[in-house]
Amino acid sequence: MIYNDSLPGNKFIDFAQWLEKAATQRGSNVKVISNSELLSFLSQGELSVLAEKQPSALPDFVVFTDKDIYLAKQLELLGISVFNSSEAIRISDDKILTYQQLATAKLPIPKTIIYPKTFTSQQLKHGVMQSAIHRLGFPMIVKEAFGSFGEQVYLIHNKADLIQQIKHLATKPFVLQAFISTSYGKDLRLHVVGNKVVAAMKRQSAHDFRANITAGGTMQAYEPSEEEQKLAILATQSIGADFAGVDLLIGENDSPIICEINSNAHIRNLFDATGINVATFIIDYIFKKIEGNTNA
């Protein structure tokens, strides 16, 4: 179980420890390590990983709760099964790539415009902004390609604010997106494992357009409809993930709209809301898959 030790707080190792406990209860010999404890080594004649205590054999599988896609790819090149795959993590981590995959799969997403890549914060593209205002209107969402816990998502009310926000983002990649007003301060989190939604919750905030718990939202267990479950499963499949937390917005007439896909979604809040330990489903799925059960 690999986590990232460069970030403050214990929420990042927490997910790995839940998985470790579930795997141990299933009789597996597992270990939690950080991405800095396992170094990718490359030379003309060698591709390997370096550890302080070099194991006698490579592991049968790795559960990757981090976004260090280069390490995940290194492990895959060594023939190790990695869950989720480096490609699924790469797409999930980049919201622009995620929306492109979802659009290719013809799944419902907010109307989105990818802001052209720029190399200077002074290079405002007024034509792009006018097109976005015409197609998306205000309020409008500006969302960075990379970010977590809703912290890189901004609600924009007018053109002056839009210009200021674009200048502030400088050369970072981001999208301009239609605001789903019917989902103000509320969304759904469905956790998919394999071809099944194993747990779900509804998140709400009374004071913020974002429903994230870290932004002050509350949570409660939720029973998703067949349509919502099918959409979450298709979204997970569209990025090639084995498991994921899928966030759905609530559109007009309660129609679900995909907001984001999280390839390494933390599961403690979901457990607190539902009493369901997603880690056990993930570990059972992985064991079935590595044992050759194609129906996992």
C-alpha atoms as a PDB file:
ATOM      1  CA  MET A   1       0.000   0.000   0.000  1.00  0.00           C
ATOM      2  CA  ILE A   2       1.713   3.175  -1.166  1.00  0.00           C
ATOM      3  CA  TYR A   3       0.822   6.643   0.109  1.00  0.00           C
ATOM      4  CA  ASN A   4       2.373  10.109  -0.173  1.00  0.00           C
ATOM      5  CA  ASP A   5       4.244  11.325   2.925  1.00  0.00           C
ATOM      6  CA  SER A   6       4.956  14.846   1.635  1.00  0.00           C
ATOM      7  CA  LEU A   7       1.517  16.201   2.513  1.00  0.00           C
ATOM      8  CA  PRO A   8       0.453  17.409   5.997  1.00  0.00           C
ATOM      9  CA  GLY A   9      -2.097  15.556   8.092  1.00  0.00           C
ATOM     10  CA  ASN A  10      -2.870  11.871   8.393  1.00  0.00           C
ATOM     11  CA  LYS A  11      -5.691  11.584   5.856  1.00  0.00           C
ATOM     12  CA  PHE A  12      -3.289  10.370   3.171  1.00  0.00           C
ATOM     13  CA  ILE A  13      -1.880   7.445   5.135  1.00  0.00           C
ATOM     14  CA  ASP A  14      -5.332   6.783   6.586  1.00  0.00           C
ATOM     15  CA  PHE A  15      -6.702   5.317   3.344  1.00  0.00           C
ATOM     16  CA  ALA A  16      -3.663   3.049   2.992  1.00  0.00           C
ATOM     17  CA  GLN A  17      -4.073   1.826   6.573  1.00  0.00           C
ATOM     18  CA  TRP A  18      -7.726   0.967   6.011  1.00  0.00           C
ATOM     19  CA  LEU A  19      -6.697  -1.088   2.990  1.00  0.00           C
ATOM     20  CA  GLU A  20      -3.876  -2.697   4.968  1.00  0.00           C
ATOM     21  CA  LYS A  21      -6.278  -3.793   7.689  1.00  0.00           C
ATOM     22  CA  ALA A  22      -8.742  -5.226   5.158  1.00  0.00           C
ATOM     23  CA  ALA A  23      -5.970  -7.134   3.379  1.00  0.00           C
ATOM     24  CA  THR A  24      -4.549  -8.457   6.654  1.00  0.00           C
ATOM     25  CA  GLN A  25      -7.975  -9.708   7.694  1.00  0.00           C
ATOM     26  CA  ARG A  26      -8.096 -11.595   4.404  1.00  0.00           C
ATOM     27  CA  GLY A  27      -4.808 -13.304   5.235  1.00  0.00           C
ATOM     28  CA  SER A  28      -2.515 -11.238   3.029  1.00  0.00           C
ATOM     29  CA  ASN A  29       0.984 -10.188   4.073  1.00  0.00           C
ATOM     30  CA  VAL A  30       0.928  -6.474   3.311  1.00  0.00           C
ATOM     31  CA  LYS A  31       2.953  -3.387   4.119  1.00  0.00           C
ATOM     32  CA  VAL A  32       2.239   0.343   4.028  1.00  0.00           C
ATOM     33  CA  ILE A  33       5.093   2.462   2.651  1.00  0.00           C
ATOM     34  CA  SER A  34       5.445   5.999   1.356  1.00  0.00           C
ATOM     35  CA  ASN A  35       6.402   6.913  -2.184  1.00  0.00           C
ATOM     36  CA  SER A  36       9.681   8.351  -0.873  1.00  0.00           C
ATOM     37  CA  GLU A  37      10.650   4.964   0.562  1.00  0.00           C
ATOM     38  CA  LEU A  38      10.568   3.329  -2.853  1.00  0.00           C
ATOM     39  CA  LEU A  39      12.782   4.996  -5.461  1.00  0.00           C
ATOM     40  CA  SER A  40      12.596   4.416  -9.191  1.00  0.00           C
ATOM     41  CA  PHE A  41      16.065   3.645 -10.588  1.00  0.00           C
ATOM     42  CA  LEU A  42      16.937   3.854 -14.272  1.00  0.00           C
ATOM     43  CA  SER A  43      20.148   3.178 -16.177  1.00  0.00           C
ATOM     44  CA  GLN A  44      21.153   1.727 -19.513  1.00  0.00           C
ATOM     45  CA  GLY A  45      21.143  -1.766 -18.094  1.00  0.00           C
ATOM     46  CA  GLU A  46      18.678  -1.569 -15.236  1.00  0.00           C
ATOM     47  CA  LEU A  47      15.120  -0.595 -14.436  1.00  0.00           C
ATOM     48  CA  SER A  48      14.306  -1.261 -10.780  1.00  0.00           C
ATOM     49  CA  VAL A  49      13.046   0.133  -7.490  1.00  0.00           C
ATOM     50  CA  LEU A  50      15.305   0.897  -4.557  1.00  0.00           C
ATOM     51  CA  ALA A  51      14.196   0.461  -0.952  1.00  0.00           C
ATOM     52  CA  GLU A  52      16.025   0.883   2.353  1.00  0.00           C
ATOM     53  CA  LYS A  53      15.260  -2.763   3.097  1.00  0.00           C
ATOM     54  CA  GLN A  54      15.310  -4.371  -0.319  1.00  0.00           C
ATOM     55  CA  PRO A  55      12.726  -7.187  -0.417  1.00  0.00           C
ATOM     56  CA  SER A  56      13.777 -10.652  -1.578  1.00  0.00           C
ATOM     57  CA  ALA A  57      10.968 -10.635  -4.148  1.00  0.00           C
ATOM     58  CA  LEU A  58       8.664  -8.132  -5.776  1.00  0.00           C
ATOM     59  CA  PRO A  59       5.097  -7.955  -4.434  1.00  0.00           C
ATOM     60  CA  ASP A  60       2.180  -9.707  -6.137  1.00  0.00           C
ATOM     61  CA  PHE A  61       0.301  -6.427  -6.331  1.00  0.00           C
ATOM     62  CA  VAL A  62       0.417  -2.795  -5.189  1.00  0.00           C
ATOM     63  CA  VAL A  63      -2.509  -0.644  -4.123  1.00  0.00           C
ATOM     64  CA  PHE A  64      -1.605   2.911  -5.019  1.00  0.00           C
ATOM     65  CA  THR A  65      -3.297   5.567  -2.861  1.00  0.00           C
ATOM     66  CA  ASP A  66      -0.930   8.257  -4.179  1.00  0.00           C
ATOM     67  CA  LYS A  67      -0.768  10.260  -7.424  1.00  0.00           C
ATOM     68  CA  ASP A  68       2.924   9.600  -8.080  1.00  0.00           C
ATOM     69  CA  ILE A  69       2.259   8.235 -11.563  1.00  0.00           C
ATOM     70  CA  TYR A  70       5.957   7.846 -12.377  1.00  0.00           C
ATOM     71  CA  LEU A  71       6.433   5.419  -9.499  1.00  0.00           C
ATOM     72  CA  ALA A  72       3.211   3.607 -10.406  1.00  0.00           C
ATOM     73  CA  LYS A  73       4.431   3.273 -14.002  1.00  0.00           C
ATOM     74  CA  GLN A  74       7.836   2.022 -12.816  1.00  0.00           C
ATOM     75  CA  LEU A  75       6.145  -0.745 -10.835  1.00  0.00           C
ATOM     76  CA  GLU A  76       4.021  -1.695 -13.846  1.00  0.00           C
ATOM     77  CA  LEU A  77       7.135  -1.873 -16.051  1.00  0.00           C
ATOM     78  CA  LEU A  78       8.501  -4.381 -13.541  1.00  0.00           C
ATOM     79  CA  GLY A  79       5.458  -6.565 -14.148  1.00  0.00           C
ATOM     80  CA  ILE A  80       3.614  -5.719 -10.920  1.00  0.00           C
ATOM     81  CA  SER A  81      -0.185  -5.358 -10.922  1.00  0.00           C
ATOM     82  CA  VAL A  82      -0.995  -1.840  -9.738  1.00  0.00           C
ATOM     83  CA  PHE A  83      -4.451  -0.753  -8.552  1.00  0.00           C
ATOM     84  CA  ASN A  84      -5.435   1.716  -9.858  1.00  0.00           C
ATOM     85  CA  SER A  85      -3.215   1.712 -12.931  1.00  0.00           C
ATOM     86  CA  SER A  86      -0.851   4.597 -13.590  1.00  0.00           C
ATOM     87  CA  GLU A  87      -2.947   5.567 -16.617  1.00  0.00           C
ATOM     88  CA  ALA A  88      -6.195   5.658 -14.633  1.00  0.00           C
ATOM     89  CA  ILE A  89      -4.504   7.773 -11.953  1.00  0.00           C
ATOM     90  CA  ARG A  90      -3.040  10.101 -14.595  1.00  0.00           C
ATOM     91  CA  ILE A  91      -6.425  10.720 -16.211  1.00  0.00           C
ATOM     92  CA  SER A  92      -8.275  11.089 -12.922  1.00  0.00           C
ATOM     93  CA  ASP A  93      -5.708  13.517 -11.533  1.00  0.00           C
ATOM     94  CA  ASP A  94      -6.062  15.782 -14.576  1.00  0.00           C
ATOM     95  CA  LYS A  95      -9.631  17.079 -14.754  1.00  0.00           C
ATOM     96  CA  ILE A  96      -9.174  18.163 -18.359  1.00  0.00           C
ATOM     97  CA  LEU A  97      -8.236  14.641 -19.425  1.00  0.00           C
ATOM     98  CA  THR A  98     -11.112  13.310 -17.326  1.00  0.00           C
ATOM     99  CA  TYR A  99     -13.685  15.500 -19.062  1.00  0.00           C
ATOM    100  CA  GLN A 100     -12.287  14.546 -22.462  1.00  0.00           C
ATOM    101  CA  GLN A 101     -12.719  10.846 -21.620  1.00  0.00           C
ATOM    102  CA  LEU A 102     -16.232  11.421 -20.320  1.00  0.00           C
ATOM    103  CA  ALA A 103     -17.209  13.420 -23.404  1.00  0.00           C
ATOM    104  CA  THR A 104     -15.776  10.692 -25.653  1.00  0.00           C
ATOM    105  CA  ALA A 105     -17.947   8.173 -23.797  1.00  0.00           C
ATOM    106  CA  LYS A 106     -20.956  10.497 -24.333  1.00  0.00           C
ATOM    107  CA  LEU A 107     -21.641  10.781 -20.608  1.00  0.00           C
ATOM    108  CA  PRO A 108     -23.350  13.850 -19.081  1.00  0.00           C
ATOM    109  CA  ILE A 109     -20.964  16.563 -17.894  1.00  0.00           C
ATOM    110  CA  PRO A 110     -21.313  20.338 -17.476  1.00  0.00           C
ATOM    111  CA  LYS A 111     -20.631  22.336 -20.642  1.00  0.00           C
ATOM    112  CA  THR A 112     -16.887  22.897 -20.557  1.00  0.00           C
ATOM    113  CA  ILE A 113     -14.319  25.012 -22.401  1.00  0.00           C
ATOM    114  CA  ILE A 114     -10.627  24.214 -22.032  1.00  0.00           C
ATOM    115  CA  TYR A 115      -8.687  27.435 -21.654  1.00  0.00           C
ATOM    116  CA  PRO A 116      -5.808  27.500 -24.179  1.00  0.00           C
ATOM    117  CA  LYS A 117      -2.340  26.899 -22.799  1.00  0.00           C
ATOM    118  CA  THR A 118      -0.444  30.102 -22.075  1.00  0.00           C
ATOM    119  CA  PHE A 119       3.132  30.838 -21.112  1.00  0.00           C
ATOM    120  CA  THR A 120       2.640  34.200 -19.418  1.00  0.00           C
ATOM    121  CA  SER A 121       0.085  35.550 -16.950  1.00  0.00           C
ATOM    122  CA  GLN A 122      -0.214  38.714 -19.042  1.00  0.00           C
ATOM    123  CA  GLN A 123      -1.487  36.812 -22.072  1.00  0.00           C
ATOM    124  CA  LEU A 124      -5.249  37.275 -21.578  1.00  0.00           C
ATOM    125  CA  LYS A 125      -7.326  35.774 -24.376  1.00  0.00           C
ATOM    126  CA  HIS A 126     -10.327  38.068 -24.610  1.00  0.00           C
ATOM    127  CA  GLY A 127     -11.855  36.169 -27.517  1.00  0.00           C
ATOM    128  CA  VAL A 128     -11.853  32.972 -25.459  1.00  0.00           C
ATOM    129  CA  MET A 129     -13.500  34.751 -22.544  1.00  0.00           C
ATOM    130  CA  GLN A 130     -16.200  36.200 -24.785  1.00  0.00           C
ATOM    131  CA  SER A 131     -16.931  32.772 -26.260  1.00  0.00           C
ATOM    132  CA  ALA A 132     -17.138  31.310 -22.755  1.00  0.00           C
ATOM    133  CA  ILE A 133     -19.473  34.056 -21.550  1.00  0.00           C
ATOM    134  CA  HIS A 134     -21.678  33.539 -24.613  1.00  0.00           C
ATOM    135  CA  ARG A 135     -21.847  29.749 -24.282  1.00  0.00           C
ATOM    136  CA  LEU A 136     -21.721  29.318 -20.491  1.00  0.00           C
ATOM    137  CA  GLY A 137     -23.037  32.574 -19.022  1.00  0.00           C
ATOM    138  CA  PHE A 138     -22.739  33.672 -15.393  1.00  0.00           C
ATOM    139  CA  PRO A 139     -22.330  32.421 -12.775  1.00  0.00           C
ATOM    140  CA  MET A 140     -19.481  30.371 -14.228  1.00  0.00           C
ATOM    141  CA  ILE A 141     -17.110  27.835 -12.753  1.00  0.00           C
ATOM    142  CA  VAL A 142     -13.346  28.127 -13.187  1.00  0.00           C
ATOM    143  CA  LYS A 143     -11.689  24.840 -12.292  1.00  0.00           C
ATOM    144  CA  GLU A 144      -7.996  24.057 -12.230  1.00  0.00           C
ATOM    145  CA  ALA A 145      -6.918  20.845 -13.927  1.00  0.00           C
ATOM    146  CA  PHE A 146      -5.103  19.698 -10.790  1.00  0.00           C
ATOM    147  CA  GLY A 147      -6.544  19.964  -7.318  1.00  0.00           C
ATOM    148  CA  SER A 148      -8.283  18.169  -4.467  1.00  0.00           C
ATOM    149  CA  PHE A 149     -11.050  18.682  -1.915  1.00  0.00           C
ATOM    150  CA  GLY A 150     -12.693  21.431  -4.000  1.00  0.00           C
ATOM    151  CA  GLU A 151      -9.932  23.901  -3.159  1.00  0.00           C
ATOM    152  CA  GLN A 152      -9.093  24.747  -6.783  1.00  0.00           C
ATOM    153  CA  VAL A 153     -12.667  25.441  -7.916  1.00  0.00           C
ATOM    154  CA  TYR A 154     -13.977  29.017  -8.157  1.00  0.00           C
ATOM    155  CA  LEU A 155     -17.459  30.467  -8.657  1.00  0.00           C
ATOM    156  CA  ILE A 156     -17.304  33.499 -10.963  1.00  0.00           C
ATOM    157  CA  HIS A 157     -20.142  36.038 -11.133  1.00  0.00           C
ATOM    158  CA  ASN A 158     -19.062  38.580 -13.760  1.00  0.00           C
ATOM    159  CA  LYS A 159     -16.464  39.418 -16.400  1.00  0.00           C
ATOM    160  CA  ALA A 160     -14.275  41.473 -14.059  1.00  0.00           C
ATOM    161  CA  ASP A 161     -14.015  38.546 -11.651  1.00  0.00           C
ATOM    162  CA  LEU A 162     -13.290  36.211 -14.553  1.00  0.00           C
ATOM    163  CA  ILE A 163     -10.395  38.374 -15.750  1.00  0.00           C
ATOM    164  CA  GLN A 164      -8.997  38.613 -12.228  1.00  0.00           C
ATOM    165  CA  GLN A 165      -9.206  34.835 -11.712  1.00  0.00           C
ATOM    166  CA  ILE A 166      -7.542  34.046 -15.046  1.00  0.00           C
ATOM    167  CA  LYS A 167      -4.723  36.445 -14.215  1.00  0.00           C
ATOM    168  CA  HIS A 168      -4.349  34.810 -10.817  1.00  0.00           C
ATOM    169  CA  LEU A 169      -4.089  31.327 -12.352  1.00  0.00           C
ATOM    170  CA  ALA A 170      -1.380  32.593 -14.692  1.00  0.00           C
ATOM    171  CA  THR A 171      -0.012  29.635 -16.660  1.00  0.00           C
ATOM    172  CA  LYS A 172      -1.850  26.835 -14.812  1.00  0.00           C
ATOM    173  CA  PRO A 173      -4.141  24.625 -16.924  1.00  0.00           C
ATOM    174  CA  PHE A 174      -7.846  25.101 -16.200  1.00  0.00           C
ATOM    175  CA  VAL A 175     -11.336  24.915 -17.656  1.00  0.00           C
ATOM    176  CA  LEU A 176     -14.285  27.283 -17.842  1.00  0.00           C
ATOM    177  CA  GLN A 177     -17.495  25.461 -17.027  1.00  0.00           C
ATOM    178  CA  ALA A 178     -21.237  26.007 -16.844  1.00  0.00           C
ATOM    179  CA  PHE A 179     -22.485  26.349 -13.269  1.00  0.00           C
ATOM    180  CA  ILE A 180     -25.149  23.774 -12.345  1.00  0.00           C
ATOM    181  CA  SER A 181     -27.314  26.005 -10.148  1.00  0.00           C
ATOM    182  CA  THR A 182     -29.662  23.164  -9.186  1.00  0.00           C
ATOM    183  CA  SER A 183     -26.722  21.524  -7.411  1.00  0.00           C
ATOM    184  CA  TYR A 184     -25.621  24.587  -5.424  1.00  0.00           C
ATOM    185  CA  GLY A 185     -24.095  23.340  -2.176  1.00  0.00           C
ATOM    186  CA  LYS A 186     -24.988  19.697  -2.734  1.00  0.00           C
ATOM    187  CA  ASP A 187     -23.670  16.681  -4.599  1.00  0.00           C
ATOM    188  CA  LEU A 188     -23.505  12.888  -4.449  1.00  0.00           C
ATOM    189  CA  ARG A 189     -20.468  10.690  -3.865  1.00  0.00           C
ATOM    190  CA  LEU A 190     -20.807   7.151  -5.218  1.00  0.00           C
ATOM    191  CA  HIS A 191     -17.957   4.717  -4.622  1.00  0.00           C
ATOM    192  CA  VAL A 192     -17.537   2.189  -7.409  1.00  0.00           C
ATOM    193  CA  VAL A 193     -15.592  -1.055  -7.079  1.00  0.00           C
ATOM    194  CA  GLY A 194     -15.448  -3.162 -10.219  1.00  0.00           C
ATOM    195  CA  ASN A 195     -18.906  -3.097 -11.766  1.00  0.00           C
ATOM    196  CA  LYS A 196     -20.791  -2.177  -8.620  1.00  0.00           C
ATOM    197  CA  VAL A 197     -21.590   0.870  -6.514  1.00  0.00           C
ATOM    198  CA  VAL A 198     -20.782  -0.317  -2.984  1.00  0.00           C
ATOM    199  CA  ALA A 199     -21.582   2.833  -0.985  1.00  0.00           C
ATOM    200  CA  ALA A 200     -22.942   6.325  -1.498  1.00  0.00           C
ATOM    201  CA  MET A 201     -23.538   9.530   0.409  1.00  0.00           C
ATOM    202  CA  LYS A 202     -25.102  12.919  -0.156  1.00  0.00           C
ATOM    203  CA  ARG A 203     -23.050  15.960   0.779  1.00  0.00           C
ATOM    204  CA  GLN A 204     -24.529  19.379   1.502  1.00  0.00           C
ATOM    205  CA  SER A 205     -23.250  22.802   2.482  1.00  0.00           C
ATOM    206  CA  ALA A 206     -25.390  25.655   3.707  1.00  0.00           C
ATOM    207  CA  HIS A 207     -22.737  28.317   3.076  1.00  0.00           C
ATOM    208  CA  ASP A 208     -20.686  27.235   0.036  1.00  0.00           C
ATOM    209  CA  PHE A 209     -21.430  26.279  -3.564  1.00  0.00           C
ATOM    210  CA  ARG A 210     -19.105  23.304  -3.012  1.00  0.00           C
ATOM    211  CA  ALA A 211     -20.387  20.393  -0.972  1.00  0.00           C
ATOM    212  CA  ASN A 212     -16.969  18.977  -0.020  1.00  0.00           C
ATOM    213  CA  ILE A 213     -16.677  17.983   3.633  1.00  0.00           C
ATOM    214  CA  THR A 214     -13.346  19.819   3.869  1.00  0.00           C
ATOM    215  CA  ALA A 215     -15.183  22.961   2.711  1.00  0.00           C
ATOM    216  CA  GLY A 216     -17.628  22.683   5.601  1.00  0.00           C
ATOM    217  CA  GLY A 217     -20.221  20.349   4.120  1.00  0.00           C
ATOM    218  CA  THR A 218     -22.230  17.720   5.966  1.00  0.00           C
ATOM    219  CA  MET A 219     -22.891  14.159   4.848  1.00  0.00           C
ATOM    220  CA  GLN A 220     -25.525  11.471   5.086  1.00  0.00           C
ATOM    221  CA  ALA A 221     -26.040   7.983   3.699  1.00  0.00           C
ATOM    222  CA  TYR A 222     -27.724   7.951   0.302  1.00  0.00           C
ATOM    223  CA  GLU A 223     -29.487   5.286  -1.755  1.00  0.00           C
ATOM    224  CA  PRO A 224     -28.586   6.029  -5.400  1.00  0.00           C
ATOM    225  CA  SER A 225     -31.028   5.391  -8.224  1.00  0.00           C
ATOM    226  CA  GLU A 226     -30.303   2.844 -10.934  1.00  0.00           C
ATOM    227  CA  GLU A 227     -29.499   5.722 -13.308  1.00  0.00           C
ATOM    228  CA  GLU A 228     -27.011   7.233 -10.858  1.00  0.00           C
ATOM    229  CA  GLN A 229     -25.356   3.878 -10.233  1.00  0.00           C
ATOM    230  CA  LYS A 230     -25.075   3.098 -13.941  1.00  0.00           C
ATOM    231  CA  LEU A 231     -23.577   6.529 -14.624  1.00  0.00           C
ATOM    232  CA  ALA A 232     -20.981   6.190 -11.848  1.00  0.00           C
ATOM    233  CA  ILE A 233     -19.922   2.769 -13.132  1.00  0.00           C
ATOM    234  CA  LEU A 234     -19.641   4.023 -16.722  1.00  0.00           C
ATOM    235  CA  ALA A 235     -17.628   7.030 -15.537  1.00  0.00           C
ATOM    236  CA  THR A 236     -15.199   4.764 -13.680  1.00  0.00           C
ATOM    237  CA  GLN A 237     -14.845   2.525 -16.712  1.00  0.00           C
ATOM    238  CA  SER A 238     -14.269   5.512 -19.000  1.00  0.00           C
ATOM    239  CA  ILE A 239     -10.938   6.278 -17.309  1.00  0.00           C
ATOM    240  CA  GLY A 240      -9.956   2.621 -16.935  1.00  0.00           C
ATOM    241  CA  ALA A 241     -10.141   2.592 -13.132  1.00  0.00           C
ATOM    242  CA  ASP A 242     -10.814  -0.519 -11.053  1.00  0.00           C
ATOM    243  CA  PHE A 243     -12.381   1.549  -8.282  1.00  0.00           C
ATOM    244  CA  ALA A 244     -13.167   5.225  -7.829  1.00  0.00           C
ATOM    245  CA  GLY A 245     -15.202   7.792  -5.982  1.00  0.00           C
ATOM    246  CA  VAL A 246     -17.503   9.470  -8.500  1.00  0.00           C
ATOM    247  CA  ASP A 247     -19.016  12.862  -7.684  1.00  0.00           C
ATOM    248  CA  LEU A 248     -22.369  13.595  -9.286  1.00  0.00           C
ATOM    249  CA  LEU A 249     -24.056  16.970  -9.518  1.00  0.00           C
ATOM    250  CA  ILE A 250     -27.830  17.225  -9.417  1.00  0.00           C
ATOM    251  CA  GLY A 251     -29.185  18.681 -12.633  1.00  0.00           C
ATOM    252  CA  GLU A 252     -32.684  19.749 -13.624  1.00  0.00           C
ATOM    253  CA  ASN A 253     -35.388  17.219 -12.739  1.00  0.00           C
ATOM    254  CA  ASP A 254     -32.786  15.510 -10.512  1.00  0.00           C
ATOM    255  CA  SER A 255     -30.841  14.288 -13.549  1.00  0.00           C
ATOM    256  CA  PRO A 256     -27.273  13.262 -12.574  1.00  0.00           C
ATOM    257  CA  ILE A 257     -24.284  15.059 -14.100  1.00  0.00           C
ATOM    258  CA  ILE A 258     -20.697  13.878 -13.595  1.00  0.00           C
ATOM    259  CA  CYS A 259     -18.563  16.383 -11.733  1.00  0.00           C
ATOM    260  CA  GLU A 260     -15.335  14.474 -11.015  1.00  0.00           C
ATOM    261  CA  ILE A 261     -13.793  11.018 -10.726  1.00  0.00           C
ATOM    262  CA  ASN A 262     -11.360  10.303  -7.896  1.00  0.00           C
ATOM    263  CA  SER A 263      -9.140   7.279  -8.499  1.00  0.00           C
ATOM    264  CA  ASN A 264      -7.878   7.285  -4.905  1.00  0.00           C
ATOM    265  CA  ALA A 265     -10.867   8.692  -3.037  1.00  0.00           C
ATOM    266  CA  HIS A 266     -10.542   8.632   0.733  1.00  0.00           C
ATOM    267  CA  ILE A 267     -13.107   6.398   2.421  1.00  0.00           C
ATOM    268  CA  ARG A 268     -13.284   7.438   6.095  1.00  0.00           C
ATOM    269  CA  ASN A 269     -16.054  10.016   5.583  1.00  0.00           C
ATOM    270  CA  LEU A 270     -18.035   7.496   3.558  1.00  0.00           C
ATOM    271  CA  PHE A 271     -17.712   4.987   6.391  1.00  0.00           C
ATOM    272  CA  ASP A 272     -18.796   7.578   8.952  1.00  0.00           C
ATOM    273  CA  ALA A 273     -21.874   8.376   6.846  1.00  0.00           C
ATOM    274  CA  THR A 274     -22.880   4.848   5.825  1.00  0.00           C
ATOM    275  CA  GLY A 275     -21.119   2.346   8.099  1.00  0.00           C
ATOM    276  CA  ILE A 276     -19.789   0.623   4.956  1.00  0.00           C
ATOM    277  CA  ASN A 277     -16.068  -0.131   4.793  1.00  0.00           C
ATOM    278  CA  VAL A 278     -15.173   0.307   1.131  1.00  0.00           C
ATOM    279  CA  ALA A 279     -11.670  -1.068   1.789  1.00  0.00           C
ATOM    280  CA  THR A 280     -13.029  -4.605   2.155  1.00  0.00           C
ATOM    281  CA  PHE A 281     -14.716  -4.381  -1.248  1.00  0.00           C
ATOM    282  CA  ILE A 282     -11.527  -3.057  -2.864  1.00  0.00           C
ATOM    283  CA  ILE A 283      -9.352  -5.805  -1.398  1.00  0.00           C
ATOM    284  CA  ASP A 284     -11.849  -8.557  -2.288  1.00  0.00           C
ATOM    285  CA  TYR A 285     -12.010  -7.198  -5.839  1.00  0.00           C
ATOM    286  CA  ILE A 286      -8.207  -7.127  -6.175  1.00  0.00           C
ATOM    287  CA  PHE A 287      -7.832 -10.695  -4.904  1.00  0.00           C
ATOM    288  CA  LYS A 288     -10.469 -11.951  -7.327  1.00  0.00           C
ATOM    289  CA  LYS A 289      -8.789 -10.127 -10.201  1.00  0.00           C
ATOM    290  CA  ILE A 290      -5.244 -11.360  -9.529  1.00  0.00           C
ATOM    291  CA  GLU A 291      -6.606 -14.862  -9.030  1.00  0.00           C
ATOM    292  CA  GLY A 292      -8.025 -14.691 -12.544  1.00  0.00           C
ATOM    293  CA  ASN A 293     -11.704 -14.090 -11.856  1.00  0.00           C
ATOM    294  CA  THR A 294     -12.692 -11.958 -14.828  1.00  0.00           C
ATOM    295  CA  ASN A 295     -16.084 -11.216 -13.225  1.00  0.00           C
ATOM    296  CA  ALA A 296     -14.452  -9.336 -10.333  1.00  0.00           C
END
